[in-house]
Amino acid sequence: MATIHVRQLDDGVVRHLKRRASVNGRSLEAEVRQILATAVEDDMTVKRASFLVLSARLRQATEGRRHTPAEVLVREDRDHGHRDI
């Protein structure tokens, strides 16, 4: 696991974090870990939702059209000398 150090935090922010940690029955460090994990999870949830909306629009826009299967496209690409990197 990695370690990060955050410098120059406002004293009020630290007080609030300590209070929040106490209310949640966690140490300050555990509370900050939870806040960061939740922020990343929320960000991924938003990105996933955005992707699902975009993919639904794309499916709708291309409905009824013929599509080349992915394996055919990959084979063509490899036959032309391109490789996965």
Foldseek 3Di string as FASTA:
>chain_A
DDDDDDPDDDPVVQVVLCVVCVVVVHHSVVSVVVVVVVVVVVVVVVVVVVVVVVVVVVCVVCPPPDDDDPVVVVVVCVVVPDDDD
